[in-house]
Amino acid sequence: MLFVLGGIGVQKAAEHWTAAVPATKAGVPEVAFGVLVVVAAIGSVLVLAGIALRRASLRPVPSVAGGWGHIRRPIYRACAITALTATAC
């Protein structure tokens, strides 16, 4: 949730910083936001690459051995927290 709130702050600052900063001093904020976009894109690619690498080694949860029963509550809890976070924003 803290990352979501931080992202909202950065997004709002990105929308309105040109009105608050004089044109003569806009060079540094322009570079900062450009670097932020590049780093965010690199981070996104790395996360997707990690998911792709990890996905290859995942096996389905064996339902015969009661595997789903062990992880059902944490999965439901994670889904509920994700839904709450999405609706709060």
PDB file of N, CA and C in Angstrom:
ATOM      1  N   MET A   1       0.822  -1.183   0.000  1.00  0.00           N
ATOM      2  CA  MET A   1       0.000   0.000   0.000  1.00  0.00           C
ATOM      3  C   MET A   1       0.866   1.247   0.000  1.00  0.00           C
ATOM      4  N   LEU A   2       2.003   1.191   0.695  1.00  0.00           N
ATOM      5  CA  LEU A   2       2.893   2.356   0.734  1.00  0.00           C
ATOM      6  C   LEU A   2       3.450   2.675  -0.648  1.00  0.00           C
ATOM      7  N   PHE A   3       3.759   1.654  -1.416  1.00  0.00           N
ATOM      8  CA  PHE A   3       4.250   1.882  -2.776  1.00  0.00           C
ATOM      9  C   PHE A   3       3.159   2.489  -3.648  1.00  0.00           C
ATOM     10  N   VAL A   4       1.928   2.053  -3.455  1.00  0.00           N
ATOM     11  CA  VAL A   4       0.808   2.613  -4.225  1.00  0.00           C
ATOM     12  C   VAL A   4       0.633   4.086  -3.885  1.00  0.00           C
ATOM     13  N   LEU A   5       0.659   4.411  -2.600  1.00  0.00           N
ATOM     14  CA  LEU A   5       0.518   5.807  -2.200  1.00  0.00           C
ATOM     15  C   LEU A   5       1.686   6.660  -2.711  1.00  0.00           C
ATOM     16  N   GLY A   6       2.888   6.120  -2.645  1.00  0.00           N
ATOM     17  CA  GLY A   6       4.038   6.836  -3.201  1.00  0.00           C
ATOM     18  C   GLY A   6       3.892   7.055  -4.694  1.00  0.00           C
ATOM     19  N   GLY A   7       3.404   6.051  -5.388  1.00  0.00           N
ATOM     20  CA  GLY A   7       3.180   6.181  -6.830  1.00  0.00           C
ATOM     21  C   GLY A   7       2.140   7.226  -7.161  1.00  0.00           C
ATOM     22  N   ILE A   8       1.095   7.309  -6.337  1.00  0.00           N
ATOM     23  CA  ILE A   8       0.075   8.339  -6.546  1.00  0.00           C
ATOM     24  C   ILE A   8       0.693   9.720  -6.377  1.00  0.00           C
ATOM     25  N   GLY A   9       1.537   9.884  -5.363  1.00  0.00           N
ATOM     26  CA  GLY A   9       2.208  11.169  -5.150  1.00  0.00           C
ATOM     27  C   GLY A   9       3.104  11.559  -6.313  1.00  0.00           C
ATOM     28  N   VAL A  10       3.868  10.607  -6.806  1.00  0.00           N
ATOM     29  CA  VAL A  10       4.746  10.885  -7.954  1.00  0.00           C
ATOM     30  C   VAL A  10       3.917  11.222  -9.187  1.00  0.00           C
ATOM     31  N   GLN A  11       2.825  10.512  -9.388  1.00  0.00           N
ATOM     32  CA  GLN A  11       1.981  10.769 -10.559  1.00  0.00           C
ATOM     33  C   GLN A  11       1.383  12.167 -10.493  1.00  0.00           C
ATOM     34  N   LYS A  12       0.905  12.573  -9.331  1.00  0.00           N
ATOM     35  CA  LYS A  12       0.326  13.912  -9.188  1.00  0.00           C
ATOM     36  C   LYS A  12       1.397  14.983  -9.366  1.00  0.00           C
ATOM     37  N   ALA A  13       2.585  14.744  -8.850  1.00  0.00           N
ATOM     38  CA  ALA A  13       3.683  15.701  -9.032  1.00  0.00           C
ATOM     39  C   ALA A  13       4.057  15.797 -10.507  1.00  0.00           C
ATOM     40  N   ALA A  14       4.029  14.681 -11.210  1.00  0.00           N
ATOM     41  CA  ALA A  14       4.370  14.682 -12.637  1.00  0.00           C
ATOM     42  C   ALA A  14       3.342  15.467 -13.448  1.00  0.00           C
ATOM     43  N   GLU A  15       2.091  15.469 -13.002  1.00  0.00           N
ATOM     44  CA  GLU A  15       1.054  16.205 -13.711  1.00  0.00           C
ATOM     45  C   GLU A  15       1.204  17.718 -13.555  1.00  0.00           C
ATOM     46  N   HIS A  16       1.603  18.163 -12.379  1.00  0.00           N
ATOM     47  CA  HIS A  16       1.481  19.576 -12.052  1.00  0.00           C
ATOM     48  C   HIS A  16       2.801  20.307 -11.819  1.00  0.00           C
ATOM     49  N   TRP A  17       3.941  19.655 -11.973  1.00  0.00           N
ATOM     50  CA  TRP A  17       5.183  20.341 -11.651  1.00  0.00           C
ATOM     51  C   TRP A  17       5.499  21.474 -12.625  1.00  0.00           C
ATOM     52  N   THR A  18       5.043  21.394 -13.860  1.00  0.00           N
ATOM     53  CA  THR A  18       5.357  22.452 -14.838  1.00  0.00           C
ATOM     54  C   THR A  18       4.699  23.773 -14.468  1.00  0.00           C
ATOM     55  N   ALA A  19       3.557  23.730 -13.772  1.00  0.00           N
ATOM     56  CA  ALA A  19       2.897  24.965 -13.350  1.00  0.00           C
ATOM     57  C   ALA A  19       3.615  25.609 -12.168  1.00  0.00           C
ATOM     58  N   ALA A  20       4.317  24.816 -11.371  1.00  0.00           N
ATOM     59  CA  ALA A  20       4.964  25.336 -10.169  1.00  0.00           C
ATOM     60  C   ALA A  20       6.415  25.742 -10.383  1.00  0.00           C
ATOM     61  N   VAL A  21       7.053  25.228 -11.413  1.00  0.00           N
ATOM     62  CA  VAL A  21       8.478  25.490 -11.645  1.00  0.00           C
ATOM     63  C   VAL A  21       8.624  26.456 -12.810  1.00  0.00           C
ATOM     64  N   PRO A  22       9.415  27.521 -12.624  1.00  0.00           N
ATOM     65  CA  PRO A  22       9.645  28.439 -13.744  1.00  0.00           C
ATOM     66  C   PRO A  22      10.345  27.721 -14.897  1.00  0.00           C
ATOM     67  N   ALA A  23      10.071  28.157 -16.112  1.00  0.00           N
ATOM     68  CA  ALA A  23      10.633  27.501 -17.300  1.00  0.00           C
ATOM     69  C   ALA A  23      12.150  27.521 -17.295  1.00  0.00           C
ATOM     70  N   THR A  24      12.752  28.521 -16.704  1.00  0.00           N
ATOM     71  CA  THR A  24      14.220  28.609 -16.685  1.00  0.00           C
ATOM     72  C   THR A  24      14.845  27.571 -15.769  1.00  0.00           C
ATOM     73  N   LYS A  25      14.093  27.047 -14.826  1.00  0.00           N
ATOM     74  CA  LYS A  25      14.625  26.057 -13.878  1.00  0.00           C
ATOM     75  C   LYS A  25      14.003  24.683 -14.066  1.00  0.00           C
ATOM     76  N   ALA A  26      13.454  24.429 -15.221  1.00  0.00           N
ATOM     77  CA  ALA A  26      12.753  23.166 -15.455  1.00  0.00           C
ATOM     78  C   ALA A  26      13.677  22.040 -15.905  1.00  0.00           C
ATOM     79  N   GLY A  27      14.950  22.308 -16.142  1.00  0.00           N
ATOM     80  CA  GLY A  27      15.866  21.276 -16.646  1.00  0.00           C
ATOM     81  C   GLY A  27      16.036  20.099 -15.709  1.00  0.00           C
ATOM     82  N   VAL A  28      16.290  20.368 -14.433  1.00  0.00           N
ATOM     83  CA  VAL A  28      16.537  19.294 -13.466  1.00  0.00           C
ATOM     84  C   VAL A  28      15.281  18.433 -13.262  1.00  0.00           C
ATOM     85  N   PRO A  29      14.096  19.021 -13.055  1.00  0.00           N
ATOM     86  CA  PRO A  29      12.913  18.160 -12.920  1.00  0.00           C
ATOM     87  C   PRO A  29      12.625  17.335 -14.171  1.00  0.00           C
ATOM     88  N   GLU A  30      12.867  17.886 -15.348  1.00  0.00           N
ATOM     89  CA  GLU A  30      12.649  17.118 -16.580  1.00  0.00           C
ATOM     90  C   GLU A  30      13.557  15.899 -16.623  1.00  0.00           C
ATOM     91  N   VAL A  31      14.824  16.093 -16.268  1.00  0.00           N
ATOM     92  CA  VAL A  31      15.767  14.968 -16.256  1.00  0.00           C
ATOM     93  C   VAL A  31      15.358  13.956 -15.186  1.00  0.00           C
ATOM     94  N   ALA A  32      14.943  14.445 -14.015  1.00  0.00           N
ATOM     95  CA  ALA A  32      14.553  13.544 -12.921  1.00  0.00           C
ATOM     96  C   ALA A  32      13.370  12.671 -13.323  1.00  0.00           C
ATOM     97  N   PHE A  33      12.352  13.271 -13.938  1.00  0.00           N
ATOM     98  CA  PHE A  33      11.195  12.478 -14.352  1.00  0.00           C
ATOM     99  C   PHE A  33      11.546  11.537 -15.503  1.00  0.00           C
ATOM    100  N   GLY A  34      12.446  11.953 -16.373  1.00  0.00           N
ATOM    101  CA  GLY A  34      12.903  11.057 -17.440  1.00  0.00           C
ATOM    102  C   GLY A  34      13.617   9.841 -16.870  1.00  0.00           C
ATOM    103  N   VAL A  35      14.499  10.071 -15.888  1.00  0.00           N
ATOM    104  CA  VAL A  35      15.205   8.964 -15.235  1.00  0.00           C
ATOM    105  C   VAL A  35      14.211   8.061 -14.513  1.00  0.00           C
ATOM    106  N   LEU A  36      13.212   8.647 -13.853  1.00  0.00           N
ATOM    107  CA  LEU A  36      12.196   7.866 -13.162  1.00  0.00           C
ATOM    108  C   LEU A  36      11.454   6.942 -14.123  1.00  0.00           C
ATOM    109  N   VAL A  37      11.101   7.448 -15.284  1.00  0.00           N
ATOM    110  CA  VAL A  37      10.383   6.635 -16.271  1.00  0.00           C
ATOM    111  C   VAL A  37      11.265   5.490 -16.766  1.00  0.00           C
ATOM    112  N   VAL A  38      12.527   5.776 -17.039  1.00  0.00           N
ATOM    113  CA  VAL A  38      13.445   4.739 -17.532  1.00  0.00           C
ATOM    114  C   VAL A  38      13.652   3.658 -16.466  1.00  0.00           C
ATOM    115  N   VAL A  39      13.875   4.074 -15.226  1.00  0.00           N
ATOM    116  CA  VAL A  39      14.087   3.103 -14.146  1.00  0.00           C
ATOM    117  C   VAL A  39      12.819   2.271 -13.911  1.00  0.00           C
ATOM    118  N   ALA A  40      11.654   2.901 -13.997  1.00  0.00           N
ATOM    119  CA  ALA A  40      10.400   2.145 -13.839  1.00  0.00           C
ATOM    120  C   ALA A  40      10.233   1.124 -14.955  1.00  0.00           C
ATOM    121  N   ALA A  41      10.589   1.494 -16.177  1.00  0.00           N
ATOM    122  CA  ALA A  41      10.483   0.552 -17.293  1.00  0.00           C
ATOM    123  C   ALA A  41      11.453  -0.619 -17.109  1.00  0.00           C
ATOM    124  N   ILE A  42      12.668  -0.324 -16.684  1.00  0.00           N
ATOM    125  CA  ILE A  42      13.652  -1.394 -16.446  1.00  0.00           C
ATOM    126  C   ILE A  42      13.161  -2.316 -15.327  1.00  0.00           C
ATOM    127  N   GLY A  43      12.636  -1.733 -14.248  1.00  0.00           N
ATOM    128  CA  GLY A  43      12.101  -2.545 -13.148  1.00  0.00           C
ATOM    129  C   GLY A  43      10.958  -3.433 -13.594  1.00  0.00           C
ATOM    130  N   SER A  44      10.087  -2.900 -14.436  1.00  0.00           N
ATOM    131  CA  SER A  44       8.969  -3.697 -14.946  1.00  0.00           C
ATOM    132  C   SER A  44       9.456  -4.871 -15.782  1.00  0.00           C
ATOM    133  N   VAL A  45      10.437  -4.620 -16.635  1.00  0.00           N
ATOM    134  CA  VAL A  45      10.992  -5.694 -17.464  1.00  0.00           C
ATOM    135  C   VAL A  45      11.647  -6.756 -16.587  1.00  0.00           C
ATOM    136  N   LEU A  46      12.367  -6.332 -15.544  1.00  0.00           N
ATOM    137  CA  LEU A  46      13.011  -7.303 -14.660  1.00  0.00           C
ATOM    138  C   LEU A  46      11.983  -8.147 -13.898  1.00  0.00           C
ATOM    139  N   VAL A  47      10.903  -7.529 -13.463  1.00  0.00           N
ATOM    140  CA  VAL A  47       9.849  -8.289 -12.775  1.00  0.00           C
ATOM    141  C   VAL A  47       9.225  -9.309 -13.722  1.00  0.00           C
ATOM    142  N   LEU A  48       8.916  -8.888 -14.941  1.00  0.00           N
ATOM    143  CA  LEU A  48       8.332  -9.820 -15.912  1.00  0.00           C
ATOM    144  C   LEU A  48       9.306 -10.947 -16.264  1.00  0.00           C
ATOM    145  N   ALA A  49      10.597 -10.631 -16.365  1.00  0.00           N
ATOM    146  CA  ALA A  49      11.593 -11.669 -16.639  1.00  0.00           C
ATOM    147  C   ALA A  49      11.675 -12.655 -15.483  1.00  0.00           C
ATOM    148  N   GLY A  50      11.607 -12.151 -14.251  1.00  0.00           N
ATOM    149  CA  GLY A  50      11.621 -13.033 -13.086  1.00  0.00           C
ATOM    150  C   GLY A  50      10.413 -13.942 -13.050  1.00  0.00           C
ATOM    151  N   ILE A  51       9.266 -13.396 -13.397  1.00  0.00           N
ATOM    152  CA  ILE A  51       8.049 -14.216 -13.447  1.00  0.00           C
ATOM    153  C   ILE A  51       8.187 -15.299 -14.509  1.00  0.00           C
ATOM    154  N   ALA A  52       8.705 -14.930 -15.671  1.00  0.00           N
ATOM    155  CA  ALA A  52       8.857 -15.903 -16.760  1.00  0.00           C
ATOM    156  C   ALA A  52       9.835 -17.010 -16.374  1.00  0.00           C
ATOM    157  N   LEU A  53      10.936 -16.658 -15.723  1.00  0.00           N
ATOM    158  CA  LEU A  53      11.912 -17.667 -15.316  1.00  0.00           C
ATOM    159  C   LEU A  53      11.351 -18.588 -14.230  1.00  0.00           C
ATOM    160  N   ARG A  54      10.641 -18.017 -13.300  1.00  0.00           N
ATOM    161  CA  ARG A  54      10.101 -18.811 -12.203  1.00  0.00           C
ATOM    162  C   ARG A  54       8.940 -19.692 -12.654  1.00  0.00           C
ATOM    163  N   ARG A  55       8.162 -19.197 -13.588  1.00  0.00           N
ATOM    164  CA  ARG A  55       6.988 -19.936 -14.043  1.00  0.00           C
ATOM    165  C   ARG A  55       7.376 -21.288 -14.632  1.00  0.00           C
ATOM    166  N   ALA A  56       8.513 -21.362 -15.267  1.00  0.00           N
ATOM    167  CA  ALA A  56       8.931 -22.613 -15.895  1.00  0.00           C
ATOM    168  C   ALA A  56       9.131 -23.728 -14.863  1.00  0.00           C
ATOM    169  N   SER A  57       9.509 -23.366 -13.640  1.00  0.00           N
ATOM    170  CA  SER A  57       9.795 -24.406 -12.652  1.00  0.00           C
ATOM    171  C   SER A  57       8.626 -24.686 -11.716  1.00  0.00           C
ATOM    172  N   LEU A  58       7.517 -23.987 -11.865  1.00  0.00           N
ATOM    173  CA  LEU A  58       6.374 -24.224 -10.988  1.00  0.00           C
ATOM    174  C   LEU A  58       5.616 -25.479 -11.383  1.00  0.00           C
ATOM    175  N   ARG A  59       5.164 -26.186 -10.379  1.00  0.00           N
ATOM    176  CA  ARG A  59       4.340 -27.372 -10.603  1.00  0.00           C
ATOM    177  C   ARG A  59       2.967 -27.107 -10.007  1.00  0.00           C
ATOM    178  N   PRO A  60       1.950 -27.728 -10.552  1.00  0.00           N
ATOM    179  CA  PRO A  60       0.627 -27.540  -9.952  1.00  0.00           C
ATOM    180  C   PRO A  60       0.568 -28.119  -8.548  1.00  0.00           C
ATOM    181  N   VAL A  61      -0.277 -27.564  -7.730  1.00  0.00           N
ATOM    182  CA  VAL A  61      -0.439 -28.058  -6.365  1.00  0.00           C
ATOM    183  C   VAL A  61      -1.188 -29.386  -6.424  1.00  0.00           C
ATOM    184  N   PRO A  62      -0.627 -30.436  -5.864  1.00  0.00           N
ATOM    185  CA  PRO A  62      -1.306 -31.736  -5.923  1.00  0.00           C
ATOM    186  C   PRO A  62      -2.549 -31.735  -5.040  1.00  0.00           C
ATOM    187  N   SER A  63      -3.693 -31.875  -5.665  1.00  0.00           N
ATOM    188  CA  SER A  63      -4.942 -31.859  -4.906  1.00  0.00           C
ATOM    189  C   SER A  63      -5.161 -33.156  -4.137  1.00  0.00           C
ATOM    190  N   VAL A  64      -4.536 -34.233  -4.580  1.00  0.00           N
ATOM    191  CA  VAL A  64      -4.713 -35.521  -3.910  1.00  0.00           C
ATOM    192  C   VAL A  64      -4.094 -35.478  -2.512  1.00  0.00           C
ATOM    193  N   ALA A  65      -2.958 -34.812  -2.374  1.00  0.00           N
ATOM    194  CA  ALA A  65      -2.258 -34.771  -1.091  1.00  0.00           C
ATOM    195  C   ALA A  65      -2.778 -33.651  -0.187  1.00  0.00           C
ATOM    196  N   GLY A  66      -3.849 -32.976  -0.594  1.00  0.00           N
ATOM    197  CA  GLY A  66      -4.387 -31.897   0.227  1.00  0.00           C
ATOM    198  C   GLY A  66      -3.585 -30.620   0.112  1.00  0.00           C
ATOM    199  N   GLY A  67      -2.848 -30.455  -0.973  1.00  0.00           N
ATOM    200  CA  GLY A  67      -1.997 -29.283  -1.155  1.00  0.00           C
ATOM    201  C   GLY A  67      -2.777 -27.984  -1.171  1.00  0.00           C
ATOM    202  N   TRP A  68      -3.944 -27.970  -1.827  1.00  0.00           N
ATOM    203  CA  TRP A  68      -4.743 -26.746  -1.908  1.00  0.00           C
ATOM    204  C   TRP A  68      -5.245 -26.346  -0.519  1.00  0.00           C
ATOM    205  N   GLY A  69      -5.538 -27.316   0.291  1.00  0.00           N
ATOM    206  CA  GLY A  69      -6.015 -27.022   1.643  1.00  0.00           C
ATOM    207  C   GLY A  69      -4.995 -26.259   2.475  1.00  0.00           C
ATOM    208  N   HIS A  70      -3.725 -26.498   2.220  1.00  0.00           N
ATOM    209  CA  HIS A  70      -2.667 -25.814   2.967  1.00  0.00           C
ATOM    210  C   HIS A  70      -2.488 -24.361   2.533  1.00  0.00           C
ATOM    211  N   ILE A  71      -2.754 -24.080   1.281  1.00  0.00           N
ATOM    212  CA  ILE A  71      -2.488 -22.725   0.791  1.00  0.00           C
ATOM    213  C   ILE A  71      -3.755 -21.927   0.499  1.00  0.00           C
ATOM    214  N   ARG A  72      -4.912 -22.526   0.680  1.00  0.00           N
ATOM    215  CA  ARG A  72      -6.163 -21.850   0.328  1.00  0.00           C
ATOM    216  C   ARG A  72      -6.348 -20.550   1.104  1.00  0.00           C
ATOM    217  N   ARG A  73      -6.205 -20.571   2.409  1.00  0.00           N
ATOM    218  CA  ARG A  73      -6.406 -19.358   3.207  1.00  0.00           C
ATOM    219  C   ARG A  73      -5.418 -18.248   2.859  1.00  0.00           C
ATOM    220  N   PRO A  74      -4.117 -18.523   2.746  1.00  0.00           N
ATOM    221  CA  PRO A  74      -3.208 -17.440   2.346  1.00  0.00           C
ATOM    222  C   PRO A  74      -3.526 -16.864   0.964  1.00  0.00           C
ATOM    223  N   ILE A  75      -3.977 -17.711   0.048  1.00  0.00           N
ATOM    224  CA  ILE A  75      -4.336 -17.219  -1.286  1.00  0.00           C
ATOM    225  C   ILE A  75      -5.558 -16.319  -1.195  1.00  0.00           C
ATOM    226  N   TYR A  76      -6.574 -16.735  -0.463  1.00  0.00           N
ATOM    227  CA  TYR A  76      -7.775 -15.912  -0.305  1.00  0.00           C
ATOM    228  C   TYR A  76      -7.446 -14.596   0.412  1.00  0.00           C
ATOM    229  N   ARG A  77      -6.585 -14.669   1.419  1.00  0.00           N
ATOM    230  CA  ARG A  77      -6.190 -13.471   2.152  1.00  0.00           C
ATOM    231  C   ARG A  77      -5.458 -12.495   1.230  1.00  0.00           C
ATOM    232  N   ALA A  78      -4.550 -13.002   0.411  1.00  0.00           N
ATOM    233  CA  ALA A  78      -3.823 -12.143  -0.525  1.00  0.00           C
ATOM    234  C   ALA A  78      -4.764 -11.500  -1.542  1.00  0.00           C
ATOM    235  N   CYS A  79      -5.740 -12.268  -2.005  1.00  0.00           N
ATOM    236  CA  CYS A  79      -6.728 -11.719  -2.954  1.00  0.00           C
ATOM    237  C   CYS A  79      -7.556 -10.624  -2.297  1.00  0.00           C
ATOM    238  N   ALA A  80      -7.958 -10.829  -1.052  1.00  0.00           N
ATOM    239  CA  ALA A  80      -8.764  -9.832  -0.348  1.00  0.00           C
ATOM    240  C   ALA A  80      -7.974  -8.550  -0.113  1.00  0.00           C
ATOM    241  N   ILE A  81      -6.712  -8.678   0.289  1.00  0.00           N
ATOM    242  CA  ILE A  81      -5.876  -7.491   0.523  1.00  0.00           C
ATOM    243  C   ILE A  81      -5.642  -6.757  -0.795  1.00  0.00           C
ATOM    244  N   THR A  82      -5.434  -7.483  -1.861  1.00  0.00           N
ATOM    245  CA  THR A  82      -5.252  -6.852  -3.174  1.00  0.00           C
ATOM    246  C   THR A  82      -6.503  -6.105  -3.583  1.00  0.00           C
ATOM    247  N   ALA A  83      -7.661  -6.702  -3.390  1.00  0.00           N
ATOM    248  CA  ALA A  83      -8.914  -6.038  -3.748  1.00  0.00           C
ATOM    249  C   ALA A  83      -9.137  -4.784  -2.901  1.00  0.00           C
ATOM    250  N   LEU A  84      -8.845  -4.851  -1.611  1.00  0.00           N
ATOM    251  CA  LEU A  84      -8.978  -3.676  -0.742  1.00  0.00           C
ATOM    252  C   LEU A  84      -8.043  -2.557  -1.165  1.00  0.00           C
ATOM    253  N   THR A  85      -6.815  -2.917  -1.495  1.00  0.00           N
ATOM    254  CA  THR A  85      -5.844  -1.919  -1.930  1.00  0.00           C
ATOM    255  C   THR A  85      -6.288  -1.273  -3.237  1.00  0.00           C
ATOM    256  N   ALA A  86      -6.780  -2.065  -4.158  1.00  0.00           N
ATOM    257  CA  ALA A  86      -7.218  -1.532  -5.451  1.00  0.00           C
ATOM    258  C   ALA A  86      -8.414  -0.603  -5.285  1.00  0.00           C
ATOM    259  N   THR A  87      -9.335  -0.947  -4.412  1.00  0.00           N
ATOM    260  CA  THR A  87     -10.508  -0.095  -4.224  1.00  0.00           C
ATOM    261  C   THR A  87     -10.184   1.156  -3.421  1.00  0.00           C
ATOM    262  N   ALA A  88      -9.172   1.097  -2.570  1.00  0.00           N
ATOM    263  CA  ALA A  88      -8.790   2.273  -1.775  1.00  0.00           C
ATOM    264  C   ALA A  88      -8.145   3.352  -2.638  1.00  0.00           C
ATOM    265  N   CYS A  89      -7.593   2.936  -3.743  1.00  0.00           N
ATOM    266  CA  CYS A  89      -6.932   3.917  -4.623  1.00  0.00           C
ATOM    267  C   CYS A  89      -7.937   4.404  -5.600  1.00  0.00           C
TER     268      CYS A  89
END
